Amino acid sequence: DILIEEYVQVHSKALVFMEGSGLEWMIKHDKLEAIRQMYDLFSMDEKCSKLLIQSITDIIKRDGQTLVLDENAKNNAASFIQSLIQMREKYMVILKEGCLKNNMYEMAFKDAFEEFININYTVAMNLSTSCDELLKKDIKYLSDAEIEPEVD
């Protein structure tokens, strides 16, 4: 306990927020192994684990808000939905490989996505428009197996 307190707790904020090598940098540069190491280290202490969860969810919310509030999102539904899906996939890989699909992290990720998705009507409007465009492409004549990749 003393080792964890002295080496992990004392330096946890510096490790998370360090410019050029902290958590945000790791996420931006897809450093999954480094995120996993941070997760393993911080899992030894409840305060550090909460700091990591809060930090990741803050990054998710900020990135999501930037995406949702972008003026271009209102003009190009398909591009917006694709960007949203790519963002979700990126964070799901981080959850699975970096955080061992930990239930606390999974719930925090889910809540963070819900928060920025519900900022305004942009997501719902673009999702509706994107689905409408899919239906107009004669998707109604395709089999379920052919439709599934389009809808997913």
Protein backbone atom coordinates (compact mmCIF):
# COMPACT_ATOMS: atom_id res chain seq x y z
CA ASP A 1 0.00 0.00 0.00
CA ILE A 2 2.79 2.42 0.78
CA LEU A 3 4.47 1.73 -2.56
CA ILE A 4 1.23 2.30 -4.44
CA GLU A 5 0.59 5.47 -2.49
CA GLU A 6 4.10 6.86 -2.98
CA TYR A 7 4.67 5.85 -6.58
CA VAL A 8 1.25 5.65 -8.18
CA GLN A 9 -1.03 8.09 -6.34
CA VAL A 10 1.56 10.83 -6.05
CA HIS A 11 2.40 10.77 -9.76
CA SER A 12 -0.95 9.71 -11.24
CA LYS A 13 -2.06 13.18 -12.35
CA ALA A 14 1.32 13.90 -13.91
CA LEU A 15 1.17 10.61 -15.83
CA VAL A 16 -2.36 11.25 -17.09
CA PHE A 17 -1.97 14.92 -18.01
CA MET A 18 1.65 14.97 -19.18
CA GLU A 19 1.90 16.89 -22.44
CA GLY A 20 3.40 14.86 -25.25
CA SER A 21 3.05 11.48 -23.53
CA GLY A 22 -0.01 11.56 -21.29
CA LEU A 23 -3.34 9.84 -21.76
CA GLU A 24 -4.68 12.22 -24.39
CA TRP A 25 -1.51 11.80 -26.45
CA MET A 26 -1.74 8.00 -26.08
CA ILE A 27 -5.34 8.02 -27.32
CA LYS A 28 -4.56 10.35 -30.22
CA HIS A 29 -1.64 8.15 -31.33
CA ASP A 30 -3.37 4.79 -30.70
CA LYS A 31 -0.87 3.69 -28.04
CA LEU A 32 -3.02 0.82 -26.79
CA GLU A 33 -0.21 -0.96 -24.99
CA ALA A 34 0.69 2.20 -23.07
CA ILE A 35 -2.98 2.75 -22.19
CA ARG A 36 -3.15 -0.86 -21.00
CA GLN A 37 -0.04 -0.34 -18.84
CA MET A 38 -1.58 2.79 -17.33
CA TYR A 39 -4.82 0.88 -16.74
CA ASP A 40 -2.94 -1.98 -15.03
CA LEU A 41 -0.98 0.43 -12.85
CA PHE A 42 -3.96 2.60 -11.93
CA SER A 43 -6.17 -0.42 -11.21
CA MET A 44 -4.10 -0.99 -8.08
CA ASP A 45 -5.65 2.07 -6.46
CA GLU A 46 -9.30 3.17 -6.47
CA LYS A 47 -8.51 6.91 -6.63
CA CYS A 48 -6.18 6.41 -9.57
CA SER A 49 -8.70 4.22 -11.35
CA LYS A 50 -11.37 6.92 -10.93
CA LEU A 51 -8.95 9.53 -12.27
CA LEU A 52 -8.29 7.40 -15.36
CA ILE A 53 -12.00 6.79 -15.96
CA GLN A 54 -12.80 10.50 -15.56
CA SER A 55 -9.94 11.52 -17.82
CA ILE A 56 -10.92 9.13 -20.62
CA THR A 57 -14.58 10.13 -20.44
CA ASP A 58 -13.64 13.84 -20.49
CA ILE A 59 -11.67 13.21 -23.69
CA ILE A 60 -14.59 11.26 -25.22
CA LYS A 61 -17.04 14.06 -24.37
CA ARG A 62 -14.77 16.78 -25.70
CA ASP A 63 -14.07 14.91 -28.95
CA GLY A 64 -17.76 14.11 -29.32
CA GLN A 65 -18.86 17.68 -28.67
CA THR A 66 -16.40 18.91 -31.27
CA LEU A 67 -17.88 16.47 -33.77
CA VAL A 68 -21.52 17.24 -32.92
CA LEU A 69 -21.11 21.02 -32.83
CA ASP A 70 -19.16 21.18 -36.10
CA GLU A 71 -21.12 23.19 -38.66
CA ASN A 72 -20.17 20.75 -41.42
CA ALA A 73 -22.01 18.01 -39.52
CA LYS A 74 -25.30 19.68 -40.37
CA ASN A 75 -24.52 19.66 -44.09
CA ASN A 76 -23.23 16.13 -44.68
CA ALA A 77 -25.14 13.45 -42.79
CA ALA A 78 -23.28 10.47 -44.24
CA SER A 79 -19.87 11.91 -43.42
CA PHE A 80 -21.00 12.88 -39.92
CA ILE A 81 -22.42 9.41 -39.17
CA GLN A 82 -19.24 7.78 -40.53
CA SER A 83 -17.09 10.01 -38.27
CA LEU A 84 -19.28 9.16 -35.29
CA ILE A 85 -19.01 5.44 -36.01
CA GLN A 86 -15.22 5.68 -36.39
CA MET A 87 -14.97 7.52 -33.09
CA ARG A 88 -17.07 4.89 -31.34
CA GLU A 89 -15.00 2.08 -32.84
CA LYS A 90 -11.76 3.74 -31.71
CA TYR A 91 -12.97 4.01 -28.12
CA MET A 92 -14.37 0.48 -28.15
CA VAL A 93 -10.90 -0.80 -29.08
CA ILE A 94 -9.46 1.23 -26.21
CA LEU A 95 -12.08 -0.24 -23.90
CA LYS A 96 -11.46 -3.80 -25.05
CA GLU A 97 -7.67 -3.80 -25.38
CA GLY A 98 -6.62 -0.98 -23.09
CA CYS A 99 -9.10 -1.38 -20.25
CA LEU A 100 -9.86 -5.11 -20.45
CA LYS A 101 -13.55 -4.35 -21.07
CA ASN A 102 -13.87 -3.43 -17.38
CA ASN A 103 -17.54 -2.87 -16.48
CA MET A 104 -16.91 0.46 -14.73
CA TYR A 105 -15.07 1.78 -17.76
CA GLU A 106 -17.72 0.41 -20.11
CA MET A 107 -20.51 2.23 -18.25
CA ALA A 108 -18.47 5.44 -18.13
CA PHE A 109 -17.79 5.25 -21.89
CA LYS A 110 -21.50 4.65 -22.56
CA ASP A 111 -22.50 7.62 -20.40
CA ALA A 112 -19.93 9.88 -22.07
CA PHE A 113 -21.23 8.99 -25.53
CA GLU A 114 -24.84 9.53 -24.47
CA GLU A 115 -23.98 12.93 -23.05
CA PHE A 116 -22.49 14.39 -26.21
CA ILE A 117 -24.93 12.64 -28.54
CA ASN A 118 -27.80 14.35 -26.76
CA ILE A 119 -26.31 17.87 -26.91
CA ASN A 120 -28.58 18.88 -29.76
CA TYR A 121 -30.64 17.52 -32.62
CA THR A 122 -27.70 17.08 -35.02
CA VAL A 123 -27.11 13.39 -34.31
CA ALA A 124 -30.77 12.42 -34.58
CA MET A 125 -31.26 14.50 -37.71
CA ASN A 126 -28.14 13.09 -39.40
CA LEU A 127 -28.96 9.53 -38.41
CA SER A 128 -32.43 9.94 -39.86
CA THR A 129 -31.08 11.48 -43.05
CA SER A 130 -28.45 8.78 -43.41
CA CYS A 131 -31.00 5.98 -42.99
CA ASP A 132 -33.30 7.71 -45.45
CA GLU A 133 -30.48 7.87 -48.01
CA LEU A 134 -29.82 4.15 -47.53
CA LEU A 135 -33.45 3.37 -48.19
CA LYS A 136 -33.44 5.47 -51.33
CA LYS A 137 -30.56 3.43 -52.72
CA ASP A 138 -32.88 0.48 -53.43
CA ILE A 139 -31.88 -1.17 -50.19
CA LYS A 140 -35.40 -2.50 -49.97
CA TYR A 141 -34.53 -4.96 -52.75
CA LEU A 142 -31.47 -6.36 -50.97
CA SER A 143 -31.37 -9.42 -48.74
CA ASP A 144 -30.84 -9.10 -44.98
CA ALA A 145 -27.23 -10.26 -45.40
CA GLU A 146 -26.59 -7.48 -47.92
CA ILE A 147 -28.34 -4.83 -45.80
CA GLU A 148 -26.57 -5.59 -42.52
CA PRO A 149 -23.12 -4.18 -43.49
CA GLU A 150 -24.76 -1.00 -44.77
CA VAL A 151 -26.79 -0.43 -41.60
CA ASP A 152 -24.02 -1.45 -39.17
